[in-house]
Amino acid sequence: MKMNDIDIARKAKIKPITEIAGKLGINEKDLYLFGKEKAKLSLSLTDQAKIEKSKLILVSAISPTPAGEGKTTVSIGLTEGMNRIGKKTAVVLREPSLGPVFGIKGGATGGGYSQVLPMEDINLHFTGDFAAIEKANNLLSALIDNNIQSKTASIGIDPRTVKWKRVMDMNDRALRRTVIGLGGTSSGVPRETGFDITAASEIMAILCLADNLQNLKERFGNIFVGYTYDKKPVYAKHLNAHGAMAALMKDAIKPNLVQTMEGNPAIIHGGPFANIAQGTNSVIATRMGMSLTDYVVTEAGFGFDLGAEKFFDIKCVSSGLMPKAVVLVATIRALKYHGGMPLKELTTPDVKALKKGLPNLEKHIENIKKFSIDPVLAINKFTTDSEEEINVLLEEARKLGIQAAVADVWSHGGKGAEDLAEVLVDVIASNNHKHFTPMYNWKWPIEKKIEIIARRIYGAKAIDYTPKARLDLKKINDLGLNEVPVCIAKTQKSLSDNPKLLGRPKDFVVTVREIEIAAGAGFVVPITGNIMRMPGLPAKPAAENIDIDNEGRITGLF
């Protein structure tokens, strides 16, 4: 009988986390243990001199199918492969959200023989970081509504201008729009609001961009809340909220250390979605990985047009990180999907559909090169892929002038990524003189930054703004927030803002509906298409298959 991910993970021999820390030269005094298999890391482990010598590798992907293309699985497998060929490497990843775990996409700990452990713990609560983010977010919500209610301490917040929402780490469409404060004068002031999923909270974005605890607290204080009745802007610091919010995050700011199936170090921290936030793990975790190893493999959510663009233009520019290469993950099934093949038929070999889907790959390769970075193509192998299909993709890589390798990591773990690791090391060594170039200058006007991304990365012919978006631009200008990056919220299913336009769409118009302000995170969020910050569950959610027996063994996770 074929084993699934959780069966494979359960059979793996997990090492004490102190032994994994020892591989990185970490003393036990710098560990905050969560049992025998998980630990948080002291912030003192970051070393700028070592960061400058370490090599940062980003794993991204083509536009994905609904199930994703295996960036995390390839990232973990590549890390195993790098260590197998003698390169001291750690993988640095995002934490899973319970929304996808209980929804449709599954967990985020890799798959098959390319996983991080303990798989169940990481997918379910982990070390409590998401809970701390929820509490900090909802504390601000409570302070806002308390101030609106107060007769003596009120600063005059106009409740109609408050956009800050409560969050929870679950898919629950019924909470998207709510009315609070019902029940009379003692129950608050009635107003319309709603819930976002925790991964979409600005608190999550701030955690993943903060340099340290002091910077985290300052960013919390800069969160834009709304306006007073006399049109003065209100920030979280005006409610004296930032100190208590930061106190709730005193442990959550520390990165988490776990291990791969082959006993290599994995640092996991933060988890913003890439279609509605920056989609990358924390700056602190990335810097820490680079302080402790010669190579760091990290990933950014969804396709290169989303998480990777934000990784470069927001995270790297903000933190001064200099990535050395991009591994672009492609699957035969996704390219056939972009070639017009129905989702239910993707396991059937079809070279014609594959070739029709190749323009999507070509566009992502072009986009990577626009950042002055060399791409390496990783073909994430599935058992249903035919040799003819794989050869078509390898030949396409040759035509595009890029290095490529098959990554058979689900079935073979690190052994299935040794070829990819060798190719990657050679590419980094031969292009060590290159330096990545961001897509835009932060000082440019907001509209120019949006246009650059929409035209150069998505391939749009024009950008349109609704009247609401135009008013938001004026508000951003009035608040003096013009010189911040843009974190565009867009569907992950297409290069355009229309999820039905697969492949490499052309001559489309990107419509900006509104622009949200994330002053604490230090960016603004132009929202395109029908993007929601609180997902819903599918007709048959994954949660229905998850169970636990009397011995505490969990089943149904994937």
Protein backbone atom coordinates (compact mmCIF):
# COMPACT_ATOMS: atom_id res chain seq x y z
CA MET A 1 0.00 0.00 0.00
CA LYS A 2 1.31 3.44 -0.96
CA MET A 3 2.12 5.56 2.08
CA ASN A 4 0.88 9.13 2.33
CA ASP A 5 2.79 12.11 3.74
CA ILE A 6 1.85 11.60 7.37
CA ASP A 7 2.69 7.87 7.22
CA ILE A 8 6.13 8.65 5.78
CA ALA A 9 6.74 11.39 8.36
CA ARG A 10 5.76 9.08 11.23
CA LYS A 11 8.27 6.43 10.13
CA ALA A 12 11.15 8.93 10.05
CA LYS A 13 13.63 8.83 12.91
CA ILE A 14 13.52 12.28 14.47
CA LYS A 15 16.61 13.54 16.28
CA PRO A 16 16.70 15.63 19.48
CA ILE A 17 16.54 19.29 18.51
CA THR A 18 19.70 19.91 20.58
CA GLU A 19 21.57 17.67 18.12
CA ILE A 20 20.27 19.70 15.14
CA ALA A 21 21.29 22.90 16.91
CA GLY A 22 24.74 21.41 17.45
CA LYS A 23 25.15 21.07 13.66
CA LEU A 24 24.78 24.85 13.49
CA GLY A 25 27.16 25.47 16.38
CA ILE A 26 24.33 26.69 18.61
CA ASN A 27 24.83 26.34 22.36
CA GLU A 28 21.89 25.03 24.36
CA LYS A 29 21.73 28.33 26.27
CA ASP A 30 20.57 29.98 23.03
CA LEU A 31 17.65 27.54 22.65
CA TYR A 32 14.15 27.95 24.08
CA LEU A 33 12.95 24.34 24.04
CA PHE A 34 9.42 23.28 23.12
CA GLY A 35 9.76 19.62 24.09
CA LYS A 36 12.49 17.47 22.52
CA GLU A 37 11.81 18.22 18.85
CA LYS A 38 11.22 21.98 18.56
CA ALA A 39 12.98 25.09 19.83
CA LYS A 40 13.01 28.83 19.46
CA LEU A 41 16.30 30.57 18.73
CA SER A 42 17.88 33.49 20.55
CA LEU A 43 17.91 36.72 18.54
CA SER A 44 21.57 37.13 19.50
CA LEU A 45 22.55 34.44 16.95
CA THR A 46 22.43 36.90 14.03
CA ASP A 47 25.88 37.89 12.74
CA GLN A 48 26.11 40.49 9.94
CA ALA A 49 29.65 39.52 8.92
CA LYS A 50 28.55 35.91 8.35
CA ILE A 51 25.39 37.03 6.52
CA GLU A 52 27.52 38.83 3.94
CA LYS A 53 29.42 35.60 3.16
CA SER A 54 26.39 33.28 3.02
CA LYS A 55 24.52 32.65 -0.24
CA LEU A 56 20.75 33.16 -0.36
CA ILE A 57 18.69 31.06 -2.80
CA LEU A 58 15.04 31.81 -3.54
CA VAL A 59 12.67 29.03 -4.62
CA SER A 60 9.70 30.29 -6.64
CA ALA A 61 7.30 28.77 -9.18
CA ILE A 62 5.28 29.19 -12.33
CA SER A 63 1.58 30.11 -11.95
CA PRO A 64 0.23 27.23 -9.85
CA THR A 65 -2.67 24.82 -10.09
CA PRO A 66 -5.14 24.90 -7.15
CA ALA A 67 -3.05 22.29 -5.29
CA GLY A 68 0.23 24.22 -5.63
CA GLU A 69 3.41 23.14 -7.42
CA GLY A 70 5.56 21.94 -4.53
CA LYS A 71 7.86 24.88 -3.76
CA THR A 72 8.16 23.81 -0.13
CA THR A 73 8.77 20.18 -1.07
CA VAL A 74 11.50 21.23 -3.54
CA SER A 75 13.01 23.71 -1.05
CA ILE A 76 13.37 20.98 1.56
CA GLY A 77 14.63 18.40 -0.94
CA LEU A 78 17.13 20.88 -2.38
CA THR A 79 18.44 21.57 1.14
CA GLU A 80 18.94 17.83 1.63
CA GLY A 81 20.68 17.60 -1.75
CA MET A 82 22.97 20.56 -0.96
CA ASN A 83 24.07 18.94 2.30
CA ARG A 84 24.61 15.62 0.49
CA ILE A 85 27.13 17.28 -1.87
CA GLY A 86 28.97 18.84 1.08
CA LYS A 87 27.39 22.32 1.23
CA LYS A 88 26.35 23.45 4.72
CA THR A 89 22.76 24.52 4.05
CA ALA A 90 19.60 25.31 6.00
CA VAL A 91 16.07 25.74 4.70
CA VAL A 92 14.13 28.77 5.96
CA LEU A 93 10.36 28.54 5.48
CA ARG A 94 7.03 30.07 6.43
CA GLU A 95 4.73 28.56 9.05
CA PRO A 96 1.52 26.85 7.88
CA SER A 97 -1.86 28.52 8.37
CA LEU A 98 -4.71 26.39 9.69
CA GLY A 99 -6.91 27.83 6.93
CA PRO A 100 -5.31 25.78 4.13
CA VAL A 101 -4.61 22.85 6.49
CA PHE A 102 -8.34 22.44 7.17
CA GLY A 103 -9.43 23.78 3.78
CA ILE A 104 -8.29 22.57 0.38
CA LYS A 105 -4.53 23.04 -0.08
CA GLY A 106 -3.26 21.02 2.86
CA GLY A 107 -0.32 21.75 5.14
CA ALA A 108 2.98 23.40 4.35
CA THR A 109 5.62 20.97 5.59
CA GLY A 110 6.60 19.47 2.23
CA GLY A 111 5.63 16.00 1.05
CA GLY A 112 6.73 12.41 0.65
CA TYR A 113 10.39 11.96 1.57
CA SER A 114 10.99 15.71 1.48
CA GLN A 115 9.38 17.02 4.67
CA VAL A 116 10.15 18.97 7.81
CA LEU A 117 9.47 17.34 11.17
CA PRO A 118 7.51 17.03 13.44
CA MET A 119 4.97 17.33 10.62
CA GLU A 120 1.82 17.22 12.79
CA ASP A 121 3.05 19.81 15.29
CA ILE A 122 4.23 22.26 12.61
CA ASN A 123 0.88 22.06 10.79
CA LEU A 124 -1.21 22.31 13.99
CA HIS A 125 -0.43 25.29 16.27
CA PHE A 126 3.38 24.72 16.26
CA THR A 127 4.94 27.02 18.90
CA GLY A 128 1.98 29.39 19.14
CA ASP A 129 3.24 32.21 16.88
CA PHE A 130 -0.05 32.53 15.00
CA ALA A 131 -1.95 32.68 18.29
CA ALA A 132 0.28 35.53 19.49
CA ILE A 133 -0.30 37.39 16.22
CA GLU A 134 -4.07 36.97 16.64
CA LYS A 135 -3.90 38.28 20.19
CA ALA A 136 -1.82 41.33 19.26
CA ASN A 137 -4.13 42.11 16.33
CA ASN A 138 -7.31 41.68 18.37
CA LEU A 139 -5.93 43.65 21.31
CA LEU A 140 -5.68 46.65 19.00
CA SER A 141 -9.25 45.98 17.83
CA ALA A 142 -10.46 45.93 21.43
CA LEU A 143 -8.60 49.15 22.26
CA ILE A 144 -10.08 50.89 19.22
CA ASP A 145 -13.65 49.99 20.14
CA ASN A 146 -13.05 50.76 23.80
CA ASN A 147 -11.83 54.24 22.89
CA ILE A 148 -14.86 54.83 20.65
CA GLN A 149 -17.10 53.79 23.57
CA SER A 150 -15.28 55.84 26.23
CA LYS A 151 -16.82 59.05 27.51
CA THR A 152 -13.69 60.22 29.33
CA ALA A 153 -10.65 58.95 27.39
CA SER A 154 -11.95 59.18 23.83
CA ILE A 155 -9.66 60.76 21.23
CA GLY A 156 -12.64 61.22 18.92
CA ILE A 157 -12.20 58.32 16.47
CA ASP A 158 -14.82 58.37 13.74
CA PRO A 159 -15.94 54.68 13.67
CA ARG A 160 -16.93 55.02 10.00
CA THR A 161 -13.26 55.46 9.07
CA VAL A 162 -11.87 52.45 10.96
CA LYS A 163 -10.66 49.74 8.56
CA TRP A 164 -8.82 47.60 11.13
CA LYS A 165 -10.41 44.16 11.47
CA ARG A 166 -10.18 41.27 13.88
CA VAL A 167 -8.48 38.06 12.73
CA MET A 168 -8.59 34.32 13.28
CA ASP A 169 -6.55 31.50 11.74
CA MET A 170 -9.40 29.69 10.04
CA ASN A 171 -11.33 29.83 6.77
CA ASP A 172 -14.75 31.19 7.75
CA ARG A 173 -16.63 33.13 5.06
CA ALA A 174 -19.48 33.95 7.48
CA LEU A 175 -17.15 36.35 9.31
CA ARG A 176 -16.09 38.42 6.31
CA ARG A 177 -18.60 41.14 7.11
CA THR A 178 -20.04 41.55 10.59
CA VAL A 179 -21.80 44.12 12.75
CA ILE A 180 -20.49 44.58 16.28
CA GLY A 181 -21.62 46.57 19.28
CA LEU A 182 -25.22 45.33 19.32
CA GLY A 183 -27.00 44.87 22.61
CA GLY A 184 -27.34 48.38 23.99
CA THR A 185 -25.15 51.19 25.27
CA SER A 186 -23.10 48.92 27.55
CA SER A 187 -22.04 46.69 24.64
CA GLY A 188 -20.17 49.23 22.57
CA VAL A 189 -20.95 51.42 19.57
CA PRO A 190 -22.54 49.50 16.67
CA ARG A 191 -20.49 49.54 13.48
CA GLU A 192 -19.79 47.36 10.47
CA THR A 193 -16.49 45.47 10.44
CA GLY A 194 -15.34 41.89 9.80
CA PHE A 195 -12.59 39.29 10.17
CA ASP A 196 -9.49 38.53 8.12
CA ILE A 197 -7.50 35.31 8.26
CA THR A 198 -4.44 35.68 10.53
CA ALA A 199 -1.97 35.31 7.65
CA ALA A 200 -3.49 38.47 6.13
CA SER A 201 -3.05 40.56 9.28
CA GLU A 202 -0.71 43.54 9.13
CA ILE A 203 0.74 42.16 12.38
CA MET A 204 1.97 39.14 10.39
CA ALA A 205 3.48 41.39 7.73
CA ILE A 206 5.20 43.48 10.42
CA LEU A 207 6.62 40.41 12.18
CA CYS A 208 8.14 39.25 8.89
CA LEU A 209 9.75 42.61 8.07
CA ALA A 210 10.89 43.72 11.54
CA ASP A 211 14.61 43.88 12.37
CA ASN A 212 14.25 43.31 16.11
CA LEU A 213 11.84 43.75 19.03
CA GLN A 214 12.29 47.53 19.19
CA ASN A 215 11.63 47.87 15.46
CA LEU A 216 8.59 45.59 15.84
CA LYS A 217 7.17 47.89 18.54
CA GLU A 218 7.80 51.01 16.46
CA ARG A 219 6.06 49.46 13.47
CA PHE A 220 3.09 48.49 15.67
CA GLY A 221 2.82 52.12 16.76
CA ASN A 222 2.72 53.23 13.10
CA ILE A 223 -0.33 51.10 12.24
CA PHE A 224 -2.94 53.36 10.65
CA VAL A 225 -6.32 53.04 12.40
CA GLY A 226 -8.53 55.72 10.81
CA TYR A 227 -9.46 59.36 11.38
CA THR A 228 -10.94 61.47 14.13
CA TYR A 229 -14.17 63.37 13.54
CA ASP A 230 -12.06 66.43 12.75
CA LYS A 231 -10.14 64.48 10.04
CA LYS A 232 -6.89 63.91 11.93
CA PRO A 233 -5.16 60.56 11.27
CA VAL A 234 -5.10 58.06 14.12
CA TYR A 235 -2.30 55.54 14.60
CA ALA A 236 -1.97 52.71 17.12
CA LYS A 237 0.53 54.75 19.12
CA HIS A 238 -2.20 57.34 19.79
CA LEU A 239 -4.04 54.57 21.67
CA ASN A 240 -0.85 53.55 23.51
CA ALA A 241 -1.38 50.10 22.05
CA HIS A 242 2.07 49.28 20.67
CA GLY A 243 3.82 48.43 23.95
CA ALA A 244 1.28 45.82 25.01
CA MET A 245 1.08 44.44 21.48
CA ALA A 246 4.85 43.98 21.39
CA ALA A 247 4.78 42.34 24.82
CA LEU A 248 2.44 39.69 23.42
CA MET A 249 5.00 39.02 20.68
CA LYS A 250 8.09 38.63 22.89
CA ASP A 251 8.42 34.92 22.07
CA ALA A 252 6.75 34.92 18.66
CA ILE A 253 9.51 37.16 17.30
CA LYS A 254 12.05 34.37 17.85
CA PRO A 255 12.45 31.99 14.86
CA ASN A 256 11.67 28.28 15.27
CA LEU A 257 14.21 25.50 14.72
CA VAL A 258 13.08 22.05 13.55
CA GLN A 259 14.61 19.47 11.18
CA THR A 260 14.27 17.87 7.78
CA MET A 261 13.72 14.13 7.36
CA GLU A 262 17.45 13.68 6.77
CA GLY A 263 18.35 15.56 9.94
CA ASN A 264 19.29 18.92 8.46
CA PRO A 265 18.32 22.25 10.07
CA ALA A 266 15.06 23.96 9.15
CA ILE A 267 14.15 27.42 10.45
CA ILE A 268 10.45 28.22 10.20
CA HIS A 269 8.98 31.61 11.06
CA GLY A 270 6.00 33.75 10.03
CA GLY A 271 3.45 32.99 7.35
CA PRO A 272 1.95 35.83 5.27
CA PHE A 273 0.04 34.81 2.13
CA ALA A 274 1.58 36.05 -1.14
CA ASN A 275 -1.66 36.98 -2.92
CA ILE A 276 -2.68 39.42 -0.15
CA ALA A 277 0.62 40.15 1.65
CA GLN A 278 4.37 39.77 0.98
CA GLY A 279 4.36 35.96 1.11
CA THR A 280 7.80 35.39 2.63
CA ASN A 281 9.19 34.22 5.98
CA SER A 282 10.69 36.71 8.41
CA VAL A 283 13.76 38.85 7.80
CA ILE A 284 14.99 37.76 11.22
CA ALA A 285 14.77 34.05 10.30
CA THR A 286 16.48 34.55 6.94
CA ARG A 287 19.31 36.54 8.50
CA MET A 288 19.68 33.92 11.23
CA GLY A 289 19.90 31.09 8.70
CA MET A 290 22.56 33.01 6.78
CA SER A 291 24.47 33.63 10.02
CA LEU A 292 24.66 29.90 10.72
CA THR A 293 25.20 28.28 7.29
CA ASP A 294 27.00 28.81 3.98
CA TYR A 295 23.80 28.52 1.92
CA VAL A 296 20.16 29.29 2.75
CA VAL A 297 17.25 27.98 0.70
CA THR A 298 14.03 29.94 1.14
CA GLU A 299 10.73 30.23 -0.73
CA ALA A 300 8.11 32.83 -1.55
CA GLY A 301 4.41 32.09 -1.97
CA PHE A 302 2.55 31.25 -5.19
CA GLY A 303 4.10 32.17 -8.57
CA PHE A 304 7.06 34.45 -9.25
CA ASP A 305 4.68 37.30 -10.11
CA LEU A 306 3.44 37.36 -6.50
CA GLY A 307 5.67 36.19 -3.65
CA ALA A 308 8.98 36.46 -5.48
CA GLU A 309 8.37 39.99 -6.79
CA LYS A 310 7.54 41.05 -3.23
CA PHE A 311 10.52 39.13 -1.87
CA PHE A 312 12.79 41.21 -4.10
CA ASP A 313 11.07 44.62 -4.09
CA ILE A 314 9.94 44.68 -0.46
CA LYS A 315 11.85 42.19 1.71
CA CYS A 316 15.29 42.40 0.06
CA VAL A 317 15.28 46.17 -0.41
CA SER A 318 14.00 46.71 3.14
CA SER A 319 16.56 44.40 4.76
CA GLY A 320 19.55 44.71 2.43
CA LEU A 321 19.52 41.00 1.56
CA MET A 322 21.25 40.04 -1.72
CA PRO A 323 19.95 36.76 -3.21
CA LYS A 324 22.31 34.84 -5.50
CA ALA A 325 19.94 32.67 -7.55
CA VAL A 326 16.31 31.72 -8.17
CA VAL A 327 15.14 28.14 -8.50
CA LEU A 328 11.93 28.18 -10.51
CA VAL A 329 9.74 25.16 -9.79
CA ALA A 330 7.64 23.87 -12.68
CA THR A 331 5.42 20.82 -12.89
CA ILE A 332 4.26 19.01 -16.01
CA ARG A 333 0.70 19.07 -14.69
CA ALA A 334 0.65 22.87 -14.21
CA LEU A 335 1.97 23.53 -17.69
CA LYS A 336 -0.68 21.22 -19.17
CA TYR A 337 -3.27 23.11 -17.12
CA HIS A 338 -2.06 26.37 -18.67
CA GLY A 339 -2.25 24.64 -22.03
CA GLY A 340 -5.98 24.20 -21.59
CA MET A 341 -6.13 20.68 -20.17
CA PRO A 342 -8.97 20.08 -17.65
CA LEU A 343 -7.89 19.81 -14.01
CA LYS A 344 -9.19 16.24 -13.66
CA GLU A 345 -7.14 15.02 -16.65
CA LEU A 346 -3.72 16.42 -15.69
CA THR A 347 -2.30 12.98 -14.82
CA THR A 348 -2.78 11.82 -18.42
CA PRO A 349 0.33 12.29 -20.63
CA ASP A 350 -0.28 15.00 -23.26
CA VAL A 351 2.72 16.60 -24.95
CA LYS A 352 0.51 18.87 -27.06
CA ALA A 353 -1.13 20.47 -23.98
CA LEU A 354 2.28 20.74 -22.33
CA LYS A 355 3.73 22.67 -25.27
CA LYS A 356 0.71 24.99 -25.33
CA GLY A 357 1.36 25.82 -21.66
CA LEU A 358 5.06 26.65 -22.07
CA PRO A 359 4.50 30.43 -22.59
CA ASN A 360 3.63 30.68 -18.88
CA LEU A 361 7.05 29.27 -18.02
CA GLU A 362 8.73 31.57 -20.54
CA LYS A 363 7.16 34.65 -18.95
CA HIS A 364 8.32 33.71 -15.46
CA ILE A 365 11.86 33.10 -16.74
CA GLU A 366 11.82 36.53 -18.40
CA ASN A 367 10.63 38.10 -15.14
CA ILE A 368 13.44 36.54 -13.10
CA LYS A 369 16.07 37.90 -15.51
CA LYS A 370 14.60 41.41 -15.15
CA PHE A 371 15.95 41.39 -11.57
CA SER A 372 19.48 40.59 -12.87
CA ILE A 373 19.27 37.13 -11.29
CA ASP A 374 20.01 33.83 -13.03
CA PRO A 375 17.19 31.25 -12.90
CA VAL A 376 17.59 27.49 -12.55
CA LEU A 377 14.60 25.38 -13.61
CA ALA A 378 13.59 22.60 -11.21
CA ILE A 379 11.17 20.08 -12.74
CA ASN A 380 9.23 18.78 -9.74
CA LYS A 381 8.67 15.19 -10.82
CA PHE A 382 5.38 13.37 -10.31
CA THR A 383 4.90 9.63 -10.89
CA THR A 384 2.43 10.42 -13.68
CA ASP A 385 4.98 12.43 -15.71
CA SER A 386 6.12 10.68 -18.90
CA GLU A 387 9.74 10.69 -20.08
CA GLU A 388 8.63 12.37 -23.30
CA GLU A 389 7.01 15.23 -21.33
CA ILE A 390 10.10 15.68 -19.14
CA ASN A 391 12.36 15.79 -22.22
CA VAL A 392 10.13 18.45 -23.81
CA LEU A 393 10.60 20.61 -20.72
CA LEU A 394 14.37 20.04 -20.59
CA GLU A 395 14.61 20.99 -24.26
CA GLU A 396 12.61 24.17 -23.56
CA ALA A 397 15.12 25.11 -20.86
CA ARG A 398 17.95 24.68 -23.35
CA LYS A 399 16.14 26.93 -25.83
CA LEU A 400 15.72 29.57 -23.12
CA GLY A 401 19.40 29.36 -22.25
CA ILE A 402 18.96 28.31 -18.63
CA GLN A 403 20.18 25.40 -16.52
CA ALA A 404 17.61 22.76 -15.53
CA ALA A 405 17.38 19.56 -13.52
CA VAL A 406 14.71 17.05 -12.54
CA ALA A 407 13.87 17.17 -8.81
CA ASP A 408 12.52 13.76 -7.78
CA VAL A 409 12.34 14.72 -4.13
CA TRP A 410 8.87 13.43 -3.16
CA SER A 411 9.99 9.87 -3.90
CA HIS A 412 13.72 10.07 -3.11
CA GLY A 413 14.30 13.03 -0.79
CA GLY A 414 17.75 14.60 -0.99
CA LYS A 415 19.08 11.93 -3.35
CA GLY A 416 16.51 13.12 -5.90
CA ALA A 417 17.88 16.69 -5.69
CA GLU A 418 21.63 16.09 -5.96
CA ASP A 419 21.69 16.98 -9.68
CA LEU A 420 19.74 20.16 -8.98
CA ALA A 421 22.11 21.06 -6.14
CA GLU A 422 25.19 20.58 -8.34
CA VAL A 423 23.72 22.73 -11.12
CA LEU A 424 22.73 25.45 -8.65
CA VAL A 425 26.16 25.63 -7.01
CA ASP A 426 27.80 25.97 -10.44
CA VAL A 427 25.40 28.76 -11.48
CA ILE A 428 26.05 30.69 -8.26
CA ALA A 429 29.83 30.29 -8.60
CA SER A 430 29.88 31.40 -12.24
CA ASN A 431 27.70 34.46 -11.60
CA ASN A 432 29.01 35.59 -8.23
CA HIS A 433 29.78 39.04 -9.66
CA LYS A 434 26.10 39.72 -10.39
CA HIS A 435 23.92 41.76 -8.05
CA PHE A 436 20.17 41.71 -8.02
CA THR A 437 18.37 44.86 -9.21
CA PRO A 438 14.92 45.79 -7.82
CA MET A 439 12.07 46.51 -10.22
CA TYR A 440 11.51 50.07 -9.01
CA ASN A 441 12.76 52.84 -6.75
CA TRP A 442 10.70 53.31 -3.58
CA LYS A 443 10.83 57.09 -4.10
CA TRP A 444 8.82 56.87 -7.31
CA PRO A 445 5.09 57.81 -7.14
CA ILE A 446 2.72 55.02 -6.11
CA GLU A 447 1.05 54.95 -9.53
CA LYS A 448 4.39 54.56 -11.31
CA LYS A 449 5.36 51.63 -9.06
CA ILE A 450 2.04 49.89 -9.70
CA GLU A 451 2.41 50.44 -13.45
CA ILE A 452 5.96 49.05 -13.53
CA ILE A 453 4.87 45.79 -11.88
CA ALA A 454 1.63 45.44 -13.85
CA ARG A 455 3.29 46.03 -17.19
CA ARG A 456 6.72 44.42 -16.74
CA ILE A 457 5.84 41.49 -14.44
CA TYR A 458 2.20 40.70 -15.23
CA GLY A 459 2.30 41.77 -18.89
CA ALA A 460 -0.68 44.19 -18.71
CA LYS A 461 -1.25 46.76 -21.45
CA ALA A 462 -2.86 49.30 -19.10
CA ILE A 463 -3.91 50.00 -15.50
CA ASP A 464 -7.30 51.34 -14.51
CA TYR A 465 -8.31 52.89 -11.17
CA THR A 466 -11.78 52.96 -9.69
CA PRO A 467 -12.97 56.23 -8.11
CA LYS A 468 -12.39 54.62 -4.70
CA ALA A 469 -8.77 53.83 -5.62
CA ARG A 470 -8.26 57.43 -6.78
CA LEU A 471 -9.49 58.70 -3.40
CA ASP A 472 -7.14 56.24 -1.68
CA LEU A 473 -4.21 57.64 -3.68
CA LYS A 474 -5.06 61.12 -2.41
CA LYS A 475 -5.28 59.81 1.16
CA ILE A 476 -1.86 58.15 0.81
CA ASN A 477 -0.39 61.41 -0.49
CA ASP A 478 -1.96 63.42 2.35
CA LEU A 479 -0.50 60.98 4.92
CA GLY A 480 2.97 61.30 3.38
CA LEU A 481 3.20 57.61 2.46
CA ASN A 482 4.22 57.98 -1.18
CA GLU A 483 7.75 56.66 -0.75
CA VAL A 484 6.85 53.13 0.32
CA PRO A 485 6.77 49.94 -1.80
CA VAL A 486 3.55 48.50 -3.22
CA CYS A 487 2.34 45.04 -2.17
CA ILE A 488 -0.21 44.26 -4.87
CA ALA A 489 -3.04 41.89 -3.94
CA LYS A 490 -3.81 39.74 -6.98
CA THR A 491 -5.08 36.29 -7.87
CA GLN A 492 -2.41 33.58 -7.87
CA LYS A 493 -4.19 31.65 -10.63
CA SER A 494 -3.20 33.94 -13.48
CA LEU A 495 -0.50 36.42 -14.43
CA SER A 496 -3.40 38.87 -14.86
CA ASP A 497 -5.98 39.94 -12.26
CA ASN A 498 -8.54 37.60 -13.86
CA PRO A 499 -8.19 33.99 -12.59
CA LYS A 500 -9.71 32.63 -15.80
CA LEU A 501 -6.90 33.95 -18.02
CA LEU A 502 -4.41 31.06 -17.95
CA GLY A 503 -1.12 30.62 -19.77
CA ARG A 504 0.48 33.92 -20.78
CA PRO A 505 -2.37 36.39 -21.23
CA LYS A 506 -1.80 39.58 -23.24
CA ASP A 507 -3.56 42.89 -23.88
CA PHE A 508 -5.39 42.81 -20.53
CA VAL A 509 -6.13 45.71 -18.21
CA VAL A 510 -5.36 45.51 -14.49
CA THR A 511 -8.03 47.25 -12.41
CA VAL A 512 -7.08 48.62 -9.00
CA ARG A 513 -10.27 48.60 -6.89
CA GLU A 514 -8.86 50.21 -3.77
CA ILE A 515 -5.57 50.74 -1.98
CA GLU A 516 -5.20 49.79 1.66
CA ILE A 517 -2.67 51.42 3.95
CA ALA A 518 -0.25 49.22 5.91
CA ALA A 519 1.85 52.00 7.43
CA GLY A 520 3.24 49.75 10.18
CA ALA A 521 4.44 47.18 7.67
CA GLY A 522 5.75 50.03 5.56
CA PHE A 523 3.83 49.46 2.34
CA VAL A 524 0.49 50.08 0.67
CA VAL A 525 -1.73 47.33 -0.75
CA PRO A 526 -3.35 47.98 -4.15
CA ILE A 527 -6.20 45.45 -4.41
CA THR A 528 -7.02 44.03 -7.83
CA GLY A 529 -9.74 41.62 -8.88
CA ASN A 530 -11.90 39.76 -6.39
CA ILE A 531 -9.33 39.26 -3.63
CA MET A 532 -10.65 38.38 -0.17
CA ARG A 533 -8.72 38.38 3.09
CA MET A 534 -10.96 35.75 4.68
CA PRO A 535 -11.19 32.57 2.59
CA GLY A 536 -14.08 30.12 2.76
CA LEU A 537 -14.04 26.35 3.11
CA PRO A 538 -14.67 24.12 0.06
CA ALA A 539 -17.71 21.86 -0.19
CA LYS A 540 -15.68 19.00 1.29
CA PRO A 541 -12.99 20.54 3.51
CA ALA A 542 -9.83 18.66 4.43
CA ALA A 543 -10.87 18.98 8.08
CA GLU A 544 -13.45 16.22 7.54
CA ASN A 545 -10.63 13.72 6.95
CA ILE A 546 -8.52 14.66 10.00
CA ASP A 547 -8.86 12.54 13.14
CA ILE A 548 -7.02 11.47 16.28
CA ASP A 549 -7.10 8.07 18.01
CA ASN A 550 -6.94 7.16 21.70
CA GLU A 551 -3.15 6.95 21.51
CA GLY A 552 -2.94 10.55 20.25
CA ARG A 553 -2.00 9.57 16.68
CA ILE A 554 -3.30 12.07 14.13
CA THR A 555 -4.47 10.92 10.70
CA GLY A 556 -5.64 12.74 7.57
CA LEU A 557 -3.02 15.51 7.43
CA PHE A 558 -1.34 16.03 4.07
